[in-house]
């Protein structure tokens, strides 16, 4: 089957999973969340295509794990991730958020 929407319209599902897993995982994590919230018409051709892509993607453990990881973004676990770059690279996002500016920084 081919993707009928977005950036990779016209590419096959297989191509998408092998060439841009991050995009695919983010898209499918969002699609799952929207379906769980009851948004969108299940008879829409584009939503049916996303659902077909999701079902295909679930056949592969690595893709399923990537979707689960993307679904965690925005949860309490996000605050425990390392910033990973710049001056505050060794802090977690929670620690960075809770930093109090010093007089020197003001």
PDB file of N, CA and C in Angstrom:
ATOM      1  N   UNK A   1       0.835  -1.187   0.000  1.00  0.00           N
ATOM      2  CA  UNK A   1       0.000   0.000   0.000  1.00  0.00           C
ATOM      3  C   UNK A   1       0.879   1.249   0.000  1.00  0.00           C
ATOM      4  N   UNK A   2       0.291   2.336  -0.443  1.00  0.00           N
ATOM      5  CA  UNK A   2       1.005   3.605  -0.503  1.00  0.00           C
ATOM      6  C   UNK A   2       0.428   4.599   0.494  1.00  0.00           C
ATOM      7  N   UNK A   3       1.285   5.483   0.975  1.00  0.00           N
ATOM      8  CA  UNK A   3       0.880   6.570   1.855  1.00  0.00           C
ATOM      9  C   UNK A   3       0.081   7.573   1.021  1.00  0.00           C
ATOM     10  N   UNK A   4      -1.080   7.977   1.507  1.00  0.00           N
ATOM     11  CA  UNK A   4      -1.958   8.878   0.762  1.00  0.00           C
ATOM     12  C   UNK A   4      -2.008  10.289   1.335  1.00  0.00           C
ATOM     13  N   UNK A   5      -1.044  10.634   2.180  1.00  0.00           N
ATOM     14  CA  UNK A   5      -1.094  11.923   2.860  1.00  0.00           C
ATOM     15  C   UNK A   5       0.318  12.384   3.195  1.00  0.00           C
ATOM     16  N   UNK A   6       0.447  13.654   3.494  1.00  0.00           N
ATOM     17  CA  UNK A   6       1.653  14.206   4.087  1.00  0.00           C
ATOM     18  C   UNK A   6       2.900  14.211   3.230  1.00  0.00           C
ATOM     19  N   UNK A   7       4.002  14.338   3.936  1.00  0.00           N
ATOM     20  CA  UNK A   7       5.328  14.506   3.358  1.00  0.00           C
ATOM     21  C   UNK A   7       5.717  13.400   2.380  1.00  0.00           C
ATOM     22  N   UNK A   8       5.340  12.169   2.677  1.00  0.00           N
ATOM     23  CA  UNK A   8       5.777  11.019   1.884  1.00  0.00           C
ATOM     24  C   UNK A   8       4.643  10.415   1.055  1.00  0.00           C
ATOM     25  N   UNK A   9       3.691  11.227   0.674  1.00  0.00           N
ATOM     26  CA  UNK A   9       2.581  10.748  -0.158  1.00  0.00           C
ATOM     27  C   UNK A   9       3.135  10.042  -1.394  1.00  0.00           C
ATOM     28  N   UNK A  10       2.588   8.870  -1.659  1.00  0.00           N
ATOM     29  CA  UNK A  10       3.005   8.104  -2.830  1.00  0.00           C
ATOM     30  C   UNK A  10       4.055   7.044  -2.547  1.00  0.00           C
ATOM     31  N   UNK A  11       4.725   7.141  -1.417  1.00  0.00           N
ATOM     32  CA  UNK A  11       5.712   6.121  -1.043  1.00  0.00           C
ATOM     33  C   UNK A  11       4.978   4.914  -0.450  1.00  0.00           C
ATOM     34  N   UNK A  12       5.599   3.754  -0.536  1.00  0.00           N
ATOM     35  CA  UNK A  12       4.986   2.562   0.044  1.00  0.00           C
ATOM     36  C   UNK A  12       5.158   2.573   1.563  1.00  0.00           C
ATOM     37  N   UNK A  13       4.308   1.813   2.243  1.00  0.00           N
ATOM     38  CA  UNK A  13       4.427   1.682   3.696  1.00  0.00           C
ATOM     39  C   UNK A  13       5.808   1.139   4.058  1.00  0.00           C
ATOM     40  N   UNK A  14       6.262   0.148   3.318  1.00  0.00           N
ATOM     41  CA  UNK A  14       7.572  -0.452   3.596  1.00  0.00           C
ATOM     42  C   UNK A  14       8.677   0.592   3.464  1.00  0.00           C
ATOM     43  N   UNK A  15       8.632   1.382   2.410  1.00  0.00           N
ATOM     44  CA  UNK A  15       9.640   2.417   2.208  1.00  0.00           C
ATOM     45  C   UNK A  15       9.649   3.379   3.386  1.00  0.00           C
ATOM     46  N   UNK A  16       8.471   3.799   3.818  1.00  0.00           N
ATOM     47  CA  UNK A  16       8.359   4.761   4.909  1.00  0.00           C
ATOM     48  C   UNK A  16       8.979   4.223   6.195  1.00  0.00           C
ATOM     49  N   UNK A  17       8.690   2.972   6.519  1.00  0.00           N
ATOM     50  CA  UNK A  17       9.229   2.388   7.752  1.00  0.00           C
ATOM     51  C   UNK A  17      10.738   2.240   7.705  1.00  0.00           C
ATOM     52  N   UNK A  18      11.302   2.026   6.542  1.00  0.00           N
ATOM     53  CA  UNK A  18      12.749   1.832   6.451  1.00  0.00           C
ATOM     54  C   UNK A  18      13.522   3.129   6.257  1.00  0.00           C
ATOM     55  N   UNK A  19      12.857   4.199   5.805  1.00  0.00           N
ATOM     56  CA  UNK A  19      13.570   5.437   5.507  1.00  0.00           C
ATOM     57  C   UNK A  19      13.352   6.571   6.500  1.00  0.00           C
ATOM     58  N   UNK A  20      12.253   6.566   7.234  1.00  0.00           N
ATOM     59  CA  UNK A  20      12.029   7.640   8.208  1.00  0.00           C
ATOM     60  C   UNK A  20      11.184   7.132   9.372  1.00  0.00           C
ATOM     61  N   UNK A  21      11.824   6.324  10.201  1.00  0.00           N
ATOM     62  CA  UNK A  21      11.128   5.723  11.335  1.00  0.00           C
ATOM     63  C   UNK A  21      10.669   6.773  12.337  1.00  0.00           C
ATOM     64  N   UNK A  22      11.472   7.806  12.562  1.00  0.00           N
ATOM     65  CA  UNK A  22      11.088   8.853  13.514  1.00  0.00           C
ATOM     66  C   UNK A  22       9.806   9.556  13.107  1.00  0.00           C
ATOM     67  N   UNK A  23       9.715   9.935  11.848  1.00  0.00           N
ATOM     68  CA  UNK A  23       8.507  10.578  11.322  1.00  0.00           C
ATOM     69  C   UNK A  23       7.315   9.635  11.460  1.00  0.00           C
ATOM     70  N   UNK A  24       7.520   8.376  11.062  1.00  0.00           N
ATOM     71  CA  UNK A  24       6.438   7.398  11.094  1.00  0.00           C
ATOM     72  C   UNK A  24       5.955   7.162  12.521  1.00  0.00           C
ATOM     73  N   UNK A  25       6.875   7.004  13.448  1.00  0.00           N
ATOM     74  CA  UNK A  25       6.500   6.759  14.842  1.00  0.00           C
ATOM     75  C   UNK A  25       5.735   7.951  15.408  1.00  0.00           C
ATOM     76  N   UNK A  26       6.191   9.164  15.114  1.00  0.00           N
ATOM     77  CA  UNK A  26       5.492  10.353  15.588  1.00  0.00           C
ATOM     78  C   UNK A  26       4.102  10.462  15.001  1.00  0.00           C
ATOM     79  N   UNK A  27       3.984  10.212  13.716  1.00  0.00           N
ATOM     80  CA  UNK A  27       2.694  10.262  13.037  1.00  0.00           C
ATOM     81  C   UNK A  27       1.734   9.237  13.630  1.00  0.00           C
ATOM     82  N   UNK A  28       2.199   8.006  13.802  1.00  0.00           N
ATOM     83  CA  UNK A  28       1.329   6.947  14.295  1.00  0.00           C
ATOM     84  C   UNK A  28       1.006   7.101  15.778  1.00  0.00           C
ATOM     85  N   UNK A  29       1.927   7.635  16.553  1.00  0.00           N
ATOM     86  CA  UNK A  29       1.635   7.914  17.963  1.00  0.00           C
ATOM     87  C   UNK A  29       0.528   8.960  18.053  1.00  0.00           C
ATOM     88  N   UNK A  30       0.611   9.975  17.230  1.00  0.00           N
ATOM     89  CA  UNK A  30      -0.415  11.012  17.192  1.00  0.00           C
ATOM     90  C   UNK A  30      -1.750  10.436  16.725  1.00  0.00           C
ATOM     91  N   UNK A  31      -1.703   9.591  15.716  1.00  0.00           N
ATOM     92  CA  UNK A  31      -2.915   8.958  15.184  1.00  0.00           C
ATOM     93  C   UNK A  31      -3.595   8.103  16.251  1.00  0.00           C
ATOM     94  N   UNK A  32      -2.803   7.324  16.983  1.00  0.00           N
ATOM     95  CA  UNK A  32      -3.363   6.502  18.067  1.00  0.00           C
ATOM     96  C   UNK A  32      -4.043   7.372  19.119  1.00  0.00           C
ATOM     97  N   UNK A  33      -3.387   8.448  19.508  1.00  0.00           N
ATOM     98  CA  UNK A  33      -3.943   9.343  20.526  1.00  0.00           C
ATOM     99  C   UNK A  33      -5.246   9.975  20.037  1.00  0.00           C
ATOM    100  N   UNK A  34      -5.292  10.382  18.789  1.00  0.00           N
ATOM    101  CA  UNK A  34      -6.507  10.969  18.225  1.00  0.00           C
ATOM    102  C   UNK A  34      -7.647   9.960  18.206  1.00  0.00           C
ATOM    103  N   UNK A  35      -7.351   8.728  17.828  1.00  0.00           N
ATOM    104  CA  UNK A  35      -8.385   7.680  17.799  1.00  0.00           C
ATOM    105  C   UNK A  35      -8.898   7.402  19.206  1.00  0.00           C
ATOM    106  N   UNK A  36      -7.986   7.339  20.178  1.00  0.00           N
ATOM    107  CA  UNK A  36      -8.396   7.083  21.559  1.00  0.00           C
ATOM    108  C   UNK A  36      -9.274   8.207  22.102  1.00  0.00           C
ATOM    109  N   UNK A  37      -9.019   9.424  21.644  1.00  0.00           N
ATOM    110  CA  UNK A  37      -9.808  10.573  22.086  1.00  0.00           C
ATOM    111  C   UNK A  37     -11.126  10.684  21.320  1.00  0.00           C
ATOM    112  N   UNK A  38     -11.310   9.847  20.311  1.00  0.00           N
ATOM    113  CA  UNK A  38     -12.546   9.851  19.549  1.00  0.00           C
ATOM    114  C   UNK A  38     -12.626  10.916  18.480  1.00  0.00           C
ATOM    115  N   UNK A  39     -11.475  11.461  18.070  1.00  0.00           N
ATOM    116  CA  UNK A  39     -11.460  12.502  17.041  1.00  0.00           C
ATOM    117  C   UNK A  39     -11.414  11.880  15.648  1.00  0.00           C
ATOM    118  N   UNK A  40     -12.071  12.535  14.716  1.00  0.00           N
ATOM    119  CA  UNK A  40     -12.006  12.116  13.318  1.00  0.00           C
ATOM    120  C   UNK A  40     -13.025  11.071  12.965  1.00  0.00           C
ATOM    121  N   UNK A  41     -13.386  11.068  11.723  1.00  0.00           N
ATOM    122  CA  UNK A  41     -14.344  10.110  11.198  1.00  0.00           C
ATOM    123  C   UNK A  41     -13.601   8.866  10.735  1.00  0.00           C
ATOM    124  N   UNK A  42     -14.054   7.714  11.186  1.00  0.00           N
ATOM    125  CA  UNK A  42     -13.366   6.480  10.806  1.00  0.00           C
ATOM    126  C   UNK A  42     -13.580   6.147   9.331  1.00  0.00           C
ATOM    127  N   UNK A  43     -14.526   6.822   8.665  1.00  0.00           N
ATOM    128  CA  UNK A  43     -14.769   6.534   7.255  1.00  0.00           C
ATOM    129  C   UNK A  43     -13.964   7.440   6.319  1.00  0.00           C
ATOM    130  N   UNK A  44     -13.222   8.390   6.867  1.00  0.00           N
ATOM    131  CA  UNK A  44     -12.397   9.269   6.049  1.00  0.00           C
ATOM    132  C   UNK A  44     -11.310   8.445   5.368  1.00  0.00           C
ATOM    133  N   UNK A  45     -11.127   8.619   4.049  1.00  0.00           N
ATOM    134  CA  UNK A  45     -10.084   7.844   3.352  1.00  0.00           C
ATOM    135  C   UNK A  45      -8.681   8.039   3.934  1.00  0.00           C
ATOM    136  N   UNK A  46      -8.346   9.265   4.336  1.00  0.00           N
ATOM    137  CA  UNK A  46      -7.008   9.494   4.896  1.00  0.00           C
ATOM    138  C   UNK A  46      -6.847   8.821   6.248  1.00  0.00           C
ATOM    139  N   UNK A  47      -7.881   8.867   7.080  1.00  0.00           N
ATOM    140  CA  UNK A  47      -7.792   8.191   8.372  1.00  0.00           C
ATOM    141  C   UNK A  47      -7.731   6.679   8.187  1.00  0.00           C
ATOM    142  N   UNK A  48      -8.455   6.162   7.206  1.00  0.00           N
ATOM    143  CA  UNK A  48      -8.380   4.730   6.911  1.00  0.00           C
ATOM    144  C   UNK A  48      -6.972   4.349   6.465  1.00  0.00           C
ATOM    145  N   UNK A  49      -6.321   5.215   5.679  1.00  0.00           N
ATOM    146  CA  UNK A  49      -4.962   4.952   5.235  1.00  0.00           C
ATOM    147  C   UNK A  49      -3.995   4.982   6.413  1.00  0.00           C
ATOM    148  N   UNK A  50      -4.180   5.944   7.333  1.00  0.00           N
ATOM    149  CA  UNK A  50      -3.336   5.990   8.535  1.00  0.00           C
ATOM    150  C   UNK A  50      -3.547   4.746   9.379  1.00  0.00           C
ATOM    151  N   UNK A  51      -4.788   4.318   9.495  1.00  0.00           N
ATOM    152  CA  UNK A  51      -5.068   3.125  10.286  1.00  0.00           C
ATOM    153  C   UNK A  51      -4.409   1.897   9.651  1.00  0.00           C
ATOM    154  N   UNK A  52      -4.468   1.801   8.320  1.00  0.00           N
ATOM    155  CA  UNK A  52      -3.820   0.682   7.617  1.00  0.00           C
ATOM    156  C   UNK A  52      -2.310   0.721   7.847  1.00  0.00           C
ATOM    157  N   UNK A  53      -1.724   1.910   7.803  1.00  0.00           N
ATOM    158  CA  UNK A  53      -0.291   2.065   8.073  1.00  0.00           C
ATOM    159  C   UNK A  53       0.027   1.623   9.498  1.00  0.00           C
ATOM    160  N   UNK A  54      -0.819   2.009  10.444  1.00  0.00           N
ATOM    161  CA  UNK A  54      -0.620   1.619  11.840  1.00  0.00           C
ATOM    162  C   UNK A  54      -0.654   0.102  11.990  1.00  0.00           C
ATOM    163  N   UNK A  55      -1.626  -0.533  11.365  1.00  0.00           N
ATOM    164  CA  UNK A  55      -1.730  -1.994  11.449  1.00  0.00           C
ATOM    165  C   UNK A  55      -0.505  -2.664  10.831  1.00  0.00           C
ATOM    166  N   UNK A  56      -0.040  -2.149   9.720  1.00  0.00           N
ATOM    167  CA  UNK A  56       1.162  -2.694   9.079  1.00  0.00           C
ATOM    168  C   UNK A  56       2.376  -2.489   9.986  1.00  0.00           C
ATOM    169  N   UNK A  57       2.511  -1.288  10.526  1.00  0.00           N
ATOM    170  CA  UNK A  57       3.666  -0.966  11.374  1.00  0.00           C
ATOM    171  C   UNK A  57       3.728  -1.842  12.613  1.00  0.00           C
ATOM    172  N   UNK A  58       2.572  -2.203  13.146  1.00  0.00           N
ATOM    173  CA  UNK A  58       2.530  -3.041  14.351  1.00  0.00           C
ATOM    174  C   UNK A  58       3.060  -4.450  14.114  1.00  0.00           C
ATOM    175  N   UNK A  59       3.282  -4.814  12.881  1.00  0.00           N
ATOM    176  CA  UNK A  59       3.849  -6.127  12.577  1.00  0.00           C
ATOM    177  C   UNK A  59       5.331  -6.204  12.928  1.00  0.00           C
ATOM    178  N   UNK A  60       5.951  -5.053  13.167  1.00  0.00           N
ATOM    179  CA  UNK A  60       7.387  -4.977  13.415  1.00  0.00           C
ATOM    180  C   UNK A  60       7.654  -4.473  14.827  1.00  0.00           C
ATOM    181  N   UNK A  61       8.388  -5.278  15.606  1.00  0.00           N
ATOM    182  CA  UNK A  61       8.666  -4.947  17.014  1.00  0.00           C
ATOM    183  C   UNK A  61       9.363  -3.598  17.161  1.00  0.00           C
ATOM    184  N   UNK A  62      10.332  -3.325  16.298  1.00  0.00           N
ATOM    185  CA  UNK A  62      11.102  -2.085  16.412  1.00  0.00           C
ATOM    186  C   UNK A  62      10.204  -0.863  16.198  1.00  0.00           C
ATOM    187  N   UNK A  63       9.292  -0.972  15.262  1.00  0.00           N
ATOM    188  CA  UNK A  63       8.391   0.146  14.976  1.00  0.00           C
ATOM    189  C   UNK A  63       7.404   0.322  16.123  1.00  0.00           C
ATOM    190  N   UNK A  64       6.868  -0.780  16.620  1.00  0.00           N
ATOM    191  CA  UNK A  64       5.946  -0.711  17.759  1.00  0.00           C
ATOM    192  C   UNK A  64       6.627  -0.062  18.957  1.00  0.00           C
ATOM    193  N   UNK A  65       7.878  -0.428  19.220  1.00  0.00           N
ATOM    194  CA  UNK A  65       8.623   0.174  20.332  1.00  0.00           C
ATOM    195  C   UNK A  65       8.828   1.666  20.110  1.00  0.00           C
ATOM    196  N   UNK A  66       9.103   2.073  18.879  1.00  0.00           N
ATOM    197  CA  UNK A  66       9.295   3.498  18.574  1.00  0.00           C
ATOM    198  C   UNK A  66       8.002   4.282  18.774  1.00  0.00           C
ATOM    199  N   UNK A  67       6.867   3.689  18.428  1.00  0.00           N
ATOM    200  CA  UNK A  67       5.572   4.350  18.634  1.00  0.00           C
ATOM    201  C   UNK A  67       5.302   4.523  20.121  1.00  0.00           C
ATOM    202  N   UNK A  68       5.553   3.474  20.885  1.00  0.00           N
ATOM    203  CA  UNK A  68       5.365   3.547  22.342  1.00  0.00           C
ATOM    204  C   UNK A  68       6.247   4.639  22.933  1.00  0.00           C
ATOM    205  N   UNK A  69       7.488   4.729  22.474  1.00  0.00           N
ATOM    206  CA  UNK A  69       8.404   5.757  22.961  1.00  0.00           C
ATOM    207  C   UNK A  69       7.887   7.153  22.632  1.00  0.00           C
ATOM    208  N   UNK A  70       7.370   7.341  21.437  1.00  0.00           N
ATOM    209  CA  UNK A  70       6.819   8.650  21.053  1.00  0.00           C
ATOM    210  C   UNK A  70       5.588   8.993  21.879  1.00  0.00           C
ATOM    211  N   UNK A  71       4.793   7.995  22.232  1.00  0.00           N
ATOM    212  CA  UNK A  71       3.595   8.240  23.046  1.00  0.00           C
ATOM    213  C   UNK A  71       3.974   8.713  24.448  1.00  0.00           C
ATOM    214  N   UNK A  72       5.154   8.334  24.917  1.00  0.00           N
ATOM    215  CA  UNK A  72       5.607   8.765  26.243  1.00  0.00           C
ATOM    216  C   UNK A  72       5.960  10.245  26.276  1.00  0.00           C
ATOM    217  N   UNK A  73       6.329  10.806  25.141  1.00  0.00           N
ATOM    218  CA  UNK A  73       6.684  12.218  25.081  1.00  0.00           C
ATOM    219  C   UNK A  73       5.508  13.038  25.562  1.00  0.00           C
ATOM    220  N   UNK A  74       5.797  14.001  26.433  1.00  0.00           N
ATOM    221  CA  UNK A  74       4.734  14.835  26.964  1.00  0.00           C
ATOM    222  C   UNK A  74       4.170  14.316  28.273  1.00  0.00           C
ATOM    223  N   UNK A  75       4.647  13.171  28.728  1.00  0.00           N
ATOM    224  CA  UNK A  75       4.186  12.636  29.994  1.00  0.00           C
ATOM    225  C   UNK A  75       5.185  13.022  31.080  1.00  0.00           C
ATOM    226  N   UNK A  76       4.942  12.557  32.277  1.00  0.00           N
ATOM    227  CA  UNK A  76       5.862  12.836  33.380  1.00  0.00           C
ATOM    228  C   UNK A  76       7.273  12.339  33.087  1.00  0.00           C
ATOM    229  N   UNK A  77       7.392  11.311  32.269  1.00  0.00           N
ATOM    230  CA  UNK A  77       8.714  10.774  31.957  1.00  0.00           C
ATOM    231  C   UNK A  77       9.561  11.766  31.171  1.00  0.00           C
ATOM    232  N   UNK A  78       8.929  12.654  30.433  1.00  0.00           N
ATOM    233  CA  UNK A  78       9.671  13.626  29.626  1.00  0.00           C
ATOM    234  C   UNK A  78      10.567  14.483  30.509  1.00  0.00           C
ATOM    235  N   UNK A  79      10.107  14.851  31.683  1.00  0.00           N
ATOM    236  CA  UNK A  79      10.893  15.673  32.588  1.00  0.00           C
ATOM    237  C   UNK A  79      12.150  14.992  33.084  1.00  0.00           C
ATOM    238  N   UNK A  80      12.178  13.676  33.014  1.00  0.00           N
ATOM    239  CA  UNK A  80      13.328  12.915  33.487  1.00  0.00           C
ATOM    240  C   UNK A  80      14.361  12.643  32.396  1.00  0.00           C
ATOM    241  N   UNK A  81      14.112  13.121  31.211  1.00  0.00           N
ATOM    242  CA  UNK A  81      15.076  12.948  30.114  1.00  0.00           C
ATOM    243  C   UNK A  81      16.157  14.017  30.215  1.00  0.00           C
ATOM    244  N   UNK A  82      17.370  13.651  29.795  1.00  0.00           N
ATOM    245  CA  UNK A  82      18.471  14.618  29.807  1.00  0.00           C
ATOM    246  C   UNK A  82      18.294  15.636  28.687  1.00  0.00           C
ATOM    247  N   UNK A  83      18.687  16.879  28.967  1.00  0.00           N
ATOM    248  CA  UNK A  83      18.672  17.908  27.933  1.00  0.00           C
ATOM    249  C   UNK A  83      19.591  17.477  26.797  1.00  0.00           C
ATOM    250  N   UNK A  84      20.811  17.073  27.133  1.00  0.00           N
ATOM    251  CA  UNK A  84      21.684  16.448  26.157  1.00  0.00           C
ATOM    252  C   UNK A  84      22.487  17.364  25.254  1.00  0.00           C
ATOM    253  N   UNK A  85      22.365  18.684  25.403  1.00  0.00           N
ATOM    254  CA  UNK A  85      23.148  19.588  24.569  1.00  0.00           C
ATOM    255  C   UNK A  85      23.343  20.897  25.314  1.00  0.00           C
ATOM    256  N   UNK A  86      24.333  21.655  24.887  1.00  0.00           N
ATOM    257  CA  UNK A  86      24.569  22.983  25.431  1.00  0.00           C
ATOM    258  C   UNK A  86      25.061  23.002  26.864  1.00  0.00           C
ATOM    259  N   UNK A  87      24.957  24.181  27.453  1.00  0.00           N
ATOM    260  CA  UNK A  87      25.450  24.427  28.809  1.00  0.00           C
ATOM    261  C   UNK A  87      24.781  23.524  29.854  1.00  0.00           C
ATOM    262  N   UNK A  88      23.552  23.141  29.615  1.00  0.00           N
ATOM    263  CA  UNK A  88      22.786  22.359  30.592  1.00  0.00           C
ATOM    264  C   UNK A  88      22.613  20.903  30.165  1.00  0.00           C
ATOM    265  N   UNK A  89      23.526  20.391  29.385  1.00  0.00           N
ATOM    266  CA  UNK A  89      23.391  19.059  28.796  1.00  0.00           C
ATOM    267  C   UNK A  89      23.273  17.934  29.812  1.00  0.00           C
ATOM    268  N   UNK A  90      23.825  18.096  31.006  1.00  0.00           N
ATOM    269  CA  UNK A  90      23.799  17.018  31.996  1.00  0.00           C
ATOM    270  C   UNK A  90      22.599  17.095  32.930  1.00  0.00           C
ATOM    271  N   UNK A  91      21.759  18.113  32.754  1.00  0.00           N
ATOM    272  CA  UNK A  91      20.559  18.243  33.580  1.00  0.00           C
ATOM    273  C   UNK A  91      19.372  17.563  32.911  1.00  0.00           C
ATOM    274  N   UNK A  92      18.392  17.179  33.725  1.00  0.00           N
ATOM    275  CA  UNK A  92      17.131  16.716  33.149  1.00  0.00           C
ATOM    276  C   UNK A  92      16.290  17.943  32.825  1.00  0.00           C
ATOM    277  N   UNK A  93      15.272  17.758  31.990  1.00  0.00           N
ATOM    278  CA  UNK A  93      14.399  18.881  31.669  1.00  0.00           C
ATOM    279  C   UNK A  93      13.712  19.417  32.932  1.00  0.00           C
ATOM    280  N   UNK A  94      13.369  18.531  33.848  1.00  0.00           N
ATOM    281  CA  UNK A  94      12.746  18.954  35.102  1.00  0.00           C
ATOM    282  C   UNK A  94      13.700  19.840  35.909  1.00  0.00           C
ATOM    283  N   UNK A  95      14.968  19.430  36.015  1.00  0.00           N
ATOM    284  CA  UNK A  95      15.962  20.230  36.733  1.00  0.00           C
ATOM    285  C   UNK A  95      16.167  21.585  36.073  1.00  0.00           C
ATOM    286  N   UNK A  96      16.206  21.600  34.744  1.00  0.00           N
ATOM    287  CA  UNK A  96      16.374  22.846  34.013  1.00  0.00           C
ATOM    288  C   UNK A  96      15.195  23.783  34.258  1.00  0.00           C
ATOM    289  N   UNK A  97      14.006  23.250  34.234  1.00  0.00           N
ATOM    290  CA  UNK A  97      12.799  24.046  34.462  1.00  0.00           C
ATOM    291  C   UNK A  97      12.791  24.636  35.869  1.00  0.00           C
ATOM    292  N   UNK A  98      13.292  23.879  36.833  1.00  0.00           N
ATOM    293  CA  UNK A  98      13.253  24.304  38.232  1.00  0.00           C
ATOM    294  C   UNK A  98      14.420  25.200  38.635  1.00  0.00           C
ATOM    295  N   UNK A  99      15.368  25.445  37.724  1.00  0.00           N
ATOM    296  CA  UNK A  99      16.488  26.336  38.024  1.00  0.00           C
ATOM    297  C   UNK A  99      15.976  27.730  38.370  1.00  0.00           C
ATOM    298  N   UNK A 100      16.572  28.315  39.359  1.00  0.00           N
ATOM    299  CA  UNK A 100      16.237  29.691  39.735  1.00  0.00           C
ATOM    300  C   UNK A 100      17.327  30.604  39.206  1.00  0.00           C
ATOM    301  N   UNK A 101      16.974  31.675  38.514  1.00  0.00           N
ATOM    302  CA  UNK A 101      18.014  32.583  38.015  1.00  0.00           C
ATOM    303  C   UNK A 101      18.759  33.255  39.173  1.00  0.00           C
ATOM    304  N   UNK A 102      20.047  33.381  39.006  1.00  0.00           N
ATOM    305  CA  UNK A 102      20.843  34.081  40.006  1.00  0.00           C
ATOM    306  C   UNK A 102      20.960  35.536  39.586  1.00  0.00           C
ATOM    307  N   UNK A 103      21.435  36.375  40.482  1.00  0.00           N
ATOM    308  CA  UNK A 103      21.628  37.786  40.159  1.00  0.00           C
ATOM    309  C   UNK A 103      22.569  37.956  38.979  1.00  0.00           C
ATOM    310  N   UNK A 104      23.541  37.052  38.902  1.00  0.00           N
ATOM    311  CA  UNK A 104      24.508  37.110  37.792  1.00  0.00           C
ATOM    312  C   UNK A 104      23.835  36.891  36.445  1.00  0.00           C
ATOM    313  N   UNK A 105      22.799  36.003  36.407  1.00  0.00           N
ATOM    314  CA  UNK A 105      22.084  35.683  35.181  1.00  0.00           C
ATOM    315  C   UNK A 105      21.113  36.793  34.789  1.00  0.00           C
ATOM    316  N   UNK A 106      20.679  37.587  35.757  1.00  0.00           N
ATOM    317  CA  UNK A 106      19.691  38.646  35.475  1.00  0.00           C
ATOM    318  C   UNK A 106      20.342  39.815  34.886  1.00  0.00           C
TER     319      UNK A 106
END
